[in-house]
Amino acid sequence: MVGLDLRQELKILITSLKQKGILGNNFDFLLDLRTRENPRFIVQVIYIFQHESESFIGELDRQLSQPDIDYAQVCSFAHHLTGSSARIGGSGMSLACQALLCAADDKDKDRCLEAFYGLKDHYELLKNNFNYIVEIETAIFANDSRIASRSFPGLAS
């Protein structure tokens, strides 16, 4: 029963995040890629996304705090974040990245900084929600493993 409740909680959370524009339909495609052979797929993808995003946001922060901004570098980092956030389904973050790209294309430092702060806010919101999704996914995986070990001793990982 707990497993069904957790799955329902996850479904409700994802639906809510999509309605708020935090997640998009691409996240559903990732969920569809999860298999019995790799039930932790979503968790792994989220961890990779967060690690890469933190690195690029740190690079953007360094670039934007320089007296002479290398706008080509800002565009490069923002473009990478746009793609990775869109692929994982982070539609709100992806839009924030696009705003930074536009500001960097215009070489407008004030707009870049404003867009960057918005990007960081969207990333934190997405990260916090992803952490909750990971928590639920991990609990589902643990519950499924307990059930499998009781039903088929020696088969659970």
N, C-alpha and C. Protein backbone atom coordinates (compact mmCIF):
# COMPACT_ATOMS: atom_id res chain seq x y z
N MET A 1 0.82 -1.20 0.00
CA MET A 1 0.00 0.00 0.00
C MET A 1 0.86 1.26 0.00
N VAL A 2 1.96 1.21 0.76
CA VAL A 2 2.84 2.38 0.83
C VAL A 2 3.38 2.72 -0.56
N GLY A 3 3.77 1.69 -1.33
CA GLY A 3 4.31 1.91 -2.66
C GLY A 3 3.32 2.63 -3.56
N LEU A 4 2.06 2.24 -3.50
CA LEU A 4 1.04 2.90 -4.31
C LEU A 4 0.85 4.35 -3.87
N ASP A 5 0.86 4.57 -2.55
CA ASP A 5 0.70 5.93 -2.05
C ASP A 5 1.86 6.82 -2.50
N LEU A 6 3.09 6.29 -2.47
CA LEU A 6 4.25 7.06 -2.91
C LEU A 6 4.18 7.35 -4.40
N ARG A 7 3.76 6.37 -5.17
CA ARG A 7 3.64 6.59 -6.61
C ARG A 7 2.58 7.64 -6.91
N GLN A 8 1.49 7.60 -6.16
CA GLN A 8 0.43 8.60 -6.33
C GLN A 8 0.94 9.98 -5.92
N GLU A 9 1.68 10.05 -4.82
CA GLU A 9 2.25 11.32 -4.36
C GLU A 9 3.19 11.89 -5.43
N LEU A 10 4.01 11.03 -6.03
CA LEU A 10 4.92 11.46 -7.08
C LEU A 10 4.15 11.99 -8.28
N LYS A 11 3.12 11.28 -8.66
CA LYS A 11 2.30 11.69 -9.81
C LYS A 11 1.65 13.06 -9.55
N ILE A 12 1.12 13.25 -8.35
CA ILE A 12 0.48 14.52 -7.99
C ILE A 12 1.51 15.65 -7.98
N LEU A 13 2.69 15.38 -7.43
CA LEU A 13 3.75 16.39 -7.41
C LEU A 13 4.15 16.80 -8.82
N ILE A 14 4.37 15.84 -9.68
CA ILE A 14 4.79 16.15 -11.05
C ILE A 14 3.70 16.92 -11.79
N THR A 15 2.46 16.53 -11.61
CA THR A 15 1.34 17.25 -12.23
C THR A 15 1.31 18.71 -11.75
N SER A 16 1.49 18.91 -10.46
CA SER A 16 1.49 20.24 -9.89
C SER A 16 2.65 21.08 -10.44
N LEU A 17 3.83 20.48 -10.54
CA LEU A 17 5.00 21.21 -11.06
C LEU A 17 4.81 21.57 -12.53
N LYS A 18 4.12 20.71 -13.27
CA LYS A 18 3.84 21.02 -14.68
C LYS A 18 2.82 22.17 -14.77
N GLN A 19 1.81 22.14 -13.92
CA GLN A 19 0.81 23.21 -13.94
C GLN A 19 1.41 24.56 -13.58
N LYS A 20 2.44 24.55 -12.73
CA LYS A 20 3.11 25.79 -12.32
C LYS A 20 4.17 26.24 -13.32
N GLY A 21 4.44 25.43 -14.35
CA GLY A 21 5.44 25.79 -15.34
C GLY A 21 6.87 25.49 -14.92
N ILE A 22 7.04 24.78 -13.83
CA ILE A 22 8.38 24.42 -13.36
C ILE A 22 8.91 23.25 -14.17
N LEU A 23 8.05 22.28 -14.43
CA LEU A 23 8.39 21.13 -15.26
C LEU A 23 7.58 21.16 -16.54
N GLY A 24 8.15 20.56 -17.57
CA GLY A 24 7.45 20.42 -18.84
C GLY A 24 7.30 18.96 -19.19
N ASN A 25 6.76 18.72 -20.37
CA ASN A 25 6.47 17.35 -20.81
C ASN A 25 7.71 16.49 -20.99
N ASN A 26 8.87 17.10 -21.21
CA ASN A 26 10.08 16.29 -21.37
C ASN A 26 10.37 15.44 -20.15
N PHE A 27 9.94 15.90 -18.98
CA PHE A 27 10.16 15.08 -17.78
C PHE A 27 9.39 13.77 -17.88
N ASP A 28 8.21 13.81 -18.51
CA ASP A 28 7.43 12.58 -18.71
C ASP A 28 8.20 11.58 -19.57
N PHE A 29 8.91 12.08 -20.58
CA PHE A 29 9.71 11.20 -21.43
C PHE A 29 10.80 10.51 -20.62
N LEU A 30 11.40 11.24 -19.69
CA LEU A 30 12.42 10.64 -18.82
C LEU A 30 11.80 9.56 -17.94
N LEU A 31 10.62 9.84 -17.41
CA LEU A 31 9.94 8.85 -16.57
C LEU A 31 9.67 7.57 -17.36
N ASP A 32 9.34 7.74 -18.64
CA ASP A 32 9.07 6.58 -19.49
C ASP A 32 10.32 5.74 -19.75
N LEU A 33 11.50 6.34 -19.62
CA LEU A 33 12.75 5.61 -19.85
C LEU A 33 13.17 4.75 -18.65
N ARG A 34 12.55 4.99 -17.52
CA ARG A 34 12.83 4.20 -16.32
C ARG A 34 12.31 2.78 -16.56
N THR A 35 13.16 1.79 -16.26
CA THR A 35 12.79 0.39 -16.47
C THR A 35 13.00 -0.40 -15.19
N ARG A 36 12.53 -1.64 -15.20
CA ARG A 36 12.79 -2.52 -14.05
C ARG A 36 14.27 -2.77 -13.88
N GLU A 37 14.99 -2.81 -14.99
CA GLU A 37 16.43 -3.06 -14.94
C GLU A 37 17.19 -1.85 -14.40
N ASN A 38 16.63 -0.66 -14.57
CA ASN A 38 17.28 0.55 -14.08
C ASN A 38 16.24 1.45 -13.42
N PRO A 39 15.72 1.03 -12.25
CA PRO A 39 14.67 1.81 -11.60
C PRO A 39 15.16 3.15 -11.05
N ARG A 40 16.46 3.31 -10.91
CA ARG A 40 17.02 4.55 -10.35
C ARG A 40 17.45 5.53 -11.46
N PHE A 41 16.98 5.30 -12.66
CA PHE A 41 17.35 6.13 -13.81
C PHE A 41 17.08 7.61 -13.56
N ILE A 42 15.89 7.93 -13.08
CA ILE A 42 15.50 9.32 -12.86
C ILE A 42 16.44 9.97 -11.84
N VAL A 43 16.73 9.25 -10.77
CA VAL A 43 17.62 9.77 -9.73
C VAL A 43 19.00 10.07 -10.32
N GLN A 44 19.50 9.16 -11.13
CA GLN A 44 20.82 9.36 -11.74
C GLN A 44 20.83 10.57 -12.68
N VAL A 45 19.79 10.71 -13.49
CA VAL A 45 19.71 11.83 -14.42
C VAL A 45 19.62 13.16 -13.66
N ILE A 46 18.84 13.18 -12.60
CA ILE A 46 18.71 14.40 -11.80
C ILE A 46 20.05 14.78 -11.17
N TYR A 47 20.75 13.80 -10.62
CA TYR A 47 22.05 14.10 -10.00
C TYR A 47 23.04 14.65 -11.03
N ILE A 48 23.08 14.06 -12.21
CA ILE A 48 23.98 14.55 -13.26
C ILE A 48 23.59 15.98 -13.66
N PHE A 49 22.30 16.21 -13.85
CA PHE A 49 21.82 17.55 -14.20
C PHE A 49 22.22 18.58 -13.14
N GLN A 50 22.01 18.24 -11.88
CA GLN A 50 22.32 19.18 -10.81
C GLN A 50 23.83 19.47 -10.75
N HIS A 51 24.63 18.44 -10.89
CA HIS A 51 26.08 18.62 -10.84
C HIS A 51 26.55 19.54 -11.98
N GLU A 52 26.10 19.26 -13.19
CA GLU A 52 26.48 20.08 -14.34
C GLU A 52 25.95 21.50 -14.21
N SER A 53 24.72 21.64 -13.75
CA SER A 53 24.12 22.97 -13.61
C SER A 53 24.88 23.81 -12.60
N GLU A 54 25.24 23.21 -11.48
CA GLU A 54 26.00 23.94 -10.45
C GLU A 54 27.31 24.45 -11.04
N SER A 55 27.98 23.62 -11.83
CA SER A 55 29.25 24.02 -12.45
C SER A 55 29.06 25.19 -13.40
N PHE A 56 28.06 25.09 -14.27
CA PHE A 56 27.83 26.16 -15.24
C PHE A 56 27.34 27.45 -14.57
N ILE A 57 26.53 27.32 -13.55
CA ILE A 57 26.08 28.52 -12.83
C ILE A 57 27.27 29.18 -12.13
N GLY A 58 28.17 28.38 -11.60
CA GLY A 58 29.38 28.93 -11.00
C GLY A 58 30.23 29.66 -12.03
N GLU A 59 30.36 29.09 -13.22
CA GLU A 59 31.11 29.74 -14.30
C GLU A 59 30.44 31.04 -14.73
N LEU A 60 29.12 31.01 -14.83
CA LEU A 60 28.40 32.23 -15.18
C LEU A 60 28.60 33.31 -14.12
N ASP A 61 28.56 32.92 -12.87
CA ASP A 61 28.77 33.86 -11.78
C ASP A 61 30.15 34.51 -11.89
N ARG A 62 31.16 33.69 -12.19
CA ARG A 62 32.52 34.22 -12.36
C ARG A 62 32.59 35.19 -13.55
N GLN A 63 32.01 34.78 -14.65
CA GLN A 63 32.04 35.62 -15.85
C GLN A 63 31.35 36.96 -15.61
N LEU A 64 30.19 36.90 -14.98
CA LEU A 64 29.39 38.12 -14.81
C LEU A 64 29.93 39.03 -13.72
N SER A 65 30.87 38.55 -12.92
CA SER A 65 31.46 39.41 -11.89
C SER A 65 32.78 40.05 -12.37
N GLN A 66 33.17 39.76 -13.60
CA GLN A 66 34.37 40.36 -14.19
C GLN A 66 34.06 41.78 -14.67
N PRO A 67 35.08 42.67 -14.61
CA PRO A 67 34.83 44.03 -15.12
C PRO A 67 34.54 44.03 -16.63
N ASP A 68 35.25 43.17 -17.36
CA ASP A 68 35.01 43.03 -18.80
C ASP A 68 34.44 41.64 -19.05
N ILE A 69 33.17 41.59 -19.26
CA ILE A 69 32.47 40.31 -19.42
C ILE A 69 32.77 39.72 -20.79
N ASP A 70 33.06 38.44 -20.81
CA ASP A 70 33.22 37.70 -22.06
C ASP A 70 31.82 37.18 -22.43
N TYR A 71 31.11 37.96 -23.22
CA TYR A 71 29.72 37.62 -23.53
C TYR A 71 29.61 36.33 -24.34
N ALA A 72 30.63 36.00 -25.10
CA ALA A 72 30.61 34.74 -25.85
C ALA A 72 30.61 33.56 -24.87
N GLN A 73 31.39 33.67 -23.80
CA GLN A 73 31.41 32.62 -22.78
C GLN A 73 30.07 32.55 -22.05
N VAL A 74 29.51 33.70 -21.74
CA VAL A 74 28.20 33.73 -21.07
C VAL A 74 27.17 33.04 -21.97
N CYS A 75 27.20 33.35 -23.25
CA CYS A 75 26.27 32.71 -24.20
C CYS A 75 26.49 31.20 -24.23
N SER A 76 27.73 30.79 -24.24
CA SER A 76 28.05 29.36 -24.29
C SER A 76 27.50 28.62 -23.07
N PHE A 77 27.75 29.17 -21.88
CA PHE A 77 27.26 28.53 -20.65
C PHE A 77 25.74 28.56 -20.59
N ALA A 78 25.16 29.70 -20.95
CA ALA A 78 23.70 29.82 -20.92
C ALA A 78 23.05 28.88 -21.93
N HIS A 79 23.68 28.74 -23.10
CA HIS A 79 23.16 27.84 -24.12
C HIS A 79 23.18 26.39 -23.62
N HIS A 80 24.26 26.01 -22.98
CA HIS A 80 24.35 24.65 -22.44
C HIS A 80 23.26 24.42 -21.38
N LEU A 81 23.09 25.39 -20.49
CA LEU A 81 22.06 25.26 -19.46
C LEU A 81 20.65 25.24 -20.05
N THR A 82 20.44 26.01 -21.12
CA THR A 82 19.14 26.00 -21.79
C THR A 82 18.81 24.60 -22.29
N GLY A 83 19.78 23.99 -22.96
CA GLY A 83 19.57 22.65 -23.51
C GLY A 83 19.38 21.60 -22.44
N SER A 84 20.23 21.61 -21.43
CA SER A 84 20.13 20.56 -20.41
C SER A 84 18.86 20.72 -19.58
N SER A 85 18.46 21.96 -19.28
CA SER A 85 17.22 22.13 -18.51
C SER A 85 16.01 21.76 -19.35
N ALA A 86 16.04 22.06 -20.65
CA ALA A 86 14.92 21.68 -21.52
C ALA A 86 14.84 20.16 -21.65
N ARG A 87 15.99 19.50 -21.80
CA ARG A 87 15.98 18.04 -21.96
C ARG A 87 15.44 17.32 -20.72
N ILE A 88 15.74 17.85 -19.54
CA ILE A 88 15.28 17.19 -18.32
C ILE A 88 13.84 17.58 -17.97
N GLY A 89 13.33 18.58 -18.68
CA GLY A 89 11.94 18.99 -18.45
C GLY A 89 11.81 20.21 -17.57
N GLY A 90 12.91 20.91 -17.30
CA GLY A 90 12.87 22.11 -16.47
C GLY A 90 12.49 23.33 -17.30
N SER A 91 11.22 23.42 -17.66
CA SER A 91 10.79 24.45 -18.61
C SER A 91 10.96 25.86 -18.06
N GLY A 92 10.71 26.08 -16.77
CA GLY A 92 10.88 27.42 -16.20
C GLY A 92 12.34 27.85 -16.23
N MET A 93 13.23 26.93 -15.90
CA MET A 93 14.66 27.25 -15.94
C MET A 93 15.13 27.49 -17.37
N SER A 94 14.62 26.71 -18.28
CA SER A 94 14.99 26.87 -19.68
C SER A 94 14.61 28.26 -20.19
N LEU A 95 13.43 28.73 -19.82
CA LEU A 95 13.01 30.08 -20.21
C LEU A 95 13.90 31.15 -19.59
N ALA A 96 14.30 30.93 -18.34
CA ALA A 96 15.20 31.89 -17.68
C ALA A 96 16.56 31.91 -18.37
N CYS A 97 17.01 30.76 -18.83
CA CYS A 97 18.28 30.69 -19.57
C CYS A 97 18.17 31.46 -20.89
N GLN A 98 17.03 31.35 -21.54
CA GLN A 98 16.84 32.06 -22.80
C GLN A 98 16.89 33.57 -22.60
N ALA A 99 16.36 34.03 -21.46
CA ALA A 99 16.42 35.47 -21.16
C ALA A 99 17.88 35.91 -20.99
N LEU A 100 18.69 35.06 -20.36
CA LEU A 100 20.10 35.38 -20.20
C LEU A 100 20.80 35.38 -21.56
N LEU A 101 20.45 34.43 -22.41
CA LEU A 101 21.04 34.39 -23.76
C LEU A 101 20.74 35.68 -24.53
N CYS A 102 19.52 36.13 -24.47
CA CYS A 102 19.13 37.37 -25.17
C CYS A 102 19.91 38.56 -24.64
N ALA A 103 20.03 38.65 -23.31
CA ALA A 103 20.77 39.77 -22.71
C ALA A 103 22.24 39.71 -23.08
N ALA A 104 22.81 38.52 -23.10
CA ALA A 104 24.23 38.37 -23.47
C ALA A 104 24.44 38.68 -24.94
N ASP A 105 23.50 38.27 -25.78
CA ASP A 105 23.59 38.61 -27.22
C ASP A 105 23.60 40.12 -27.42
N ASP A 106 22.84 40.83 -26.59
CA ASP A 106 22.79 42.29 -26.66
C ASP A 106 23.94 42.97 -25.92
N LYS A 107 24.76 42.15 -25.24
CA LYS A 107 25.90 42.66 -24.45
C LYS A 107 25.45 43.71 -23.43
N ASP A 108 24.34 43.39 -22.78
CA ASP A 108 23.75 44.29 -21.78
C ASP A 108 24.02 43.72 -20.38
N LYS A 109 25.00 44.28 -19.69
CA LYS A 109 25.44 43.74 -18.40
C LYS A 109 24.31 43.76 -17.37
N ASP A 110 23.56 44.86 -17.27
CA ASP A 110 22.49 44.95 -16.28
C ASP A 110 21.42 43.88 -16.52
N ARG A 111 21.02 43.72 -17.77
CA ARG A 111 20.03 42.68 -18.10
C ARG A 111 20.60 41.29 -17.86
N CYS A 112 21.89 41.11 -18.15
CA CYS A 112 22.54 39.82 -17.89
C CYS A 112 22.47 39.47 -16.41
N LEU A 113 22.81 40.43 -15.58
CA LEU A 113 22.78 40.19 -14.14
C LEU A 113 21.37 39.89 -13.65
N GLU A 114 20.41 40.67 -14.13
CA GLU A 114 19.01 40.44 -13.75
C GLU A 114 18.56 39.05 -14.21
N ALA A 115 18.88 38.69 -15.44
CA ALA A 115 18.50 37.38 -15.97
C ALA A 115 19.22 36.26 -15.22
N PHE A 116 20.48 36.50 -14.87
CA PHE A 116 21.25 35.50 -14.14
C PHE A 116 20.63 35.24 -12.76
N TYR A 117 20.25 36.30 -12.06
CA TYR A 117 19.61 36.11 -10.75
C TYR A 117 18.29 35.36 -10.90
N GLY A 118 17.55 35.67 -11.96
CA GLY A 118 16.32 34.92 -12.24
C GLY A 118 16.61 33.46 -12.54
N LEU A 119 17.66 33.21 -13.29
CA LEU A 119 18.08 31.84 -13.61
C LEU A 119 18.42 31.09 -12.34
N LYS A 120 19.18 31.73 -11.46
CA LYS A 120 19.55 31.07 -10.19
C LYS A 120 18.31 30.75 -9.37
N ASP A 121 17.35 31.67 -9.33
CA ASP A 121 16.10 31.42 -8.59
C ASP A 121 15.36 30.23 -9.18
N HIS A 122 15.26 30.18 -10.50
CA HIS A 122 14.57 29.07 -11.15
C HIS A 122 15.31 27.75 -10.90
N TYR A 123 16.63 27.80 -10.93
CA TYR A 123 17.42 26.59 -10.66
C TYR A 123 17.18 26.10 -9.24
N GLU A 124 17.20 26.99 -8.27
CA GLU A 124 16.99 26.59 -6.87
C GLU A 124 15.61 25.97 -6.69
N LEU A 125 14.61 26.56 -7.32
CA LEU A 125 13.25 26.02 -7.24
C LEU A 125 13.20 24.63 -7.86
N LEU A 126 13.81 24.48 -9.03
CA LEU A 126 13.83 23.19 -9.70
C LEU A 126 14.62 22.18 -8.88
N LYS A 127 15.77 22.59 -8.38
CA LYS A 127 16.61 21.69 -7.57
C LYS A 127 15.87 21.20 -6.34
N ASN A 128 15.20 22.11 -5.63
CA ASN A 128 14.46 21.71 -4.43
C ASN A 128 13.36 20.70 -4.76
N ASN A 129 12.67 20.94 -5.87
CA ASN A 129 11.62 20.00 -6.26
C ASN A 129 12.21 18.68 -6.76
N PHE A 130 13.32 18.74 -7.47
CA PHE A 130 13.99 17.51 -7.89
C PHE A 130 14.46 16.72 -6.68
N ASN A 131 14.94 17.41 -5.65
CA ASN A 131 15.37 16.70 -4.45
C ASN A 131 14.20 15.96 -3.80
N TYR A 132 13.03 16.57 -3.84
CA TYR A 132 11.84 15.91 -3.31
C TYR A 132 11.45 14.71 -4.18
N ILE A 133 11.56 14.86 -5.50
CA ILE A 133 11.29 13.75 -6.40
C ILE A 133 12.27 12.61 -6.14
N VAL A 134 13.54 12.93 -5.93
CA VAL A 134 14.55 11.91 -5.63
C VAL A 134 14.21 11.19 -4.33
N GLU A 135 13.77 11.95 -3.34
CA GLU A 135 13.38 11.37 -2.06
C GLU A 135 12.24 10.36 -2.25
N ILE A 136 11.24 10.73 -3.02
CA ILE A 136 10.11 9.82 -3.26
C ILE A 136 10.56 8.62 -4.08
N GLU A 137 11.33 8.87 -5.14
CA GLU A 137 11.83 7.77 -5.98
C GLU A 137 12.66 6.78 -5.16
N THR A 138 13.49 7.30 -4.26
CA THR A 138 14.33 6.44 -3.42
C THR A 138 13.47 5.61 -2.48
N ALA A 139 12.43 6.21 -1.93
CA ALA A 139 11.52 5.48 -1.05
C ALA A 139 10.77 4.39 -1.83
N ILE A 140 10.35 4.71 -3.04
CA ILE A 140 9.67 3.71 -3.88
C ILE A 140 10.62 2.55 -4.17
N PHE A 141 11.85 2.87 -4.53
CA PHE A 141 12.84 1.84 -4.84
C PHE A 141 13.10 0.97 -3.61
N ALA A 142 13.25 1.58 -2.44
CA ALA A 142 13.49 0.82 -1.20
C ALA A 142 12.30 -0.08 -0.88
N ASN A 143 11.10 0.44 -1.06
CA ASN A 143 9.89 -0.34 -0.79
C ASN A 143 9.79 -1.52 -1.75
N ASP A 144 10.04 -1.26 -3.04
CA ASP A 144 9.99 -2.34 -4.03
C ASP A 144 11.05 -3.40 -3.74
N SER A 145 12.22 -2.98 -3.29
CA SER A 145 13.29 -3.93 -2.97
C SER A 145 12.91 -4.80 -1.78
N ARG A 146 12.29 -4.19 -0.76
CA ARG A 146 11.84 -4.96 0.41
C ARG A 146 10.80 -6.00 -0.01
N ILE A 147 9.87 -5.58 -0.85
CA ILE A 147 8.83 -6.51 -1.31
C ILE A 147 9.46 -7.65 -2.11
N ALA A 148 10.39 -7.32 -2.99
CA ALA A 148 11.04 -8.34 -3.81
C ALA A 148 11.85 -9.30 -2.94
N SER A 149 12.52 -8.79 -1.92
CA SER A 149 13.34 -9.68 -1.08
C SER A 149 12.46 -10.60 -0.24
N ARG A 150 11.26 -10.17 0.13
CA ARG A 150 10.33 -11.04 0.87
C ARG A 150 9.71 -12.08 -0.07
N SER A 151 9.41 -11.66 -1.30
CA SER A 151 8.77 -12.56 -2.25
C SER A 151 9.74 -13.53 -2.88
N PHE A 152 10.94 -13.02 -3.20
CA PHE A 152 11.95 -13.81 -3.88
C PHE A 152 13.30 -13.60 -3.20
N PRO A 153 13.53 -14.23 -2.06
CA PRO A 153 14.79 -14.02 -1.35
C PRO A 153 16.00 -14.25 -2.29
N GLY A 154 16.96 -13.33 -2.19
CA GLY A 154 18.17 -13.42 -3.01
C GLY A 154 18.09 -12.69 -4.32
N LEU A 155 16.89 -12.23 -4.73
CA LEU A 155 16.75 -11.54 -6.01
C LEU A 155 16.80 -10.02 -5.88
N ALA A 156 16.58 -9.48 -4.69
CA ALA A 156 16.60 -8.02 -4.53
C ALA A 156 18.03 -7.52 -4.54
N SER A 157 18.20 -6.31 -5.08
CA SER A 157 19.56 -5.75 -5.13
C SER A 157 19.93 -5.04 -3.87
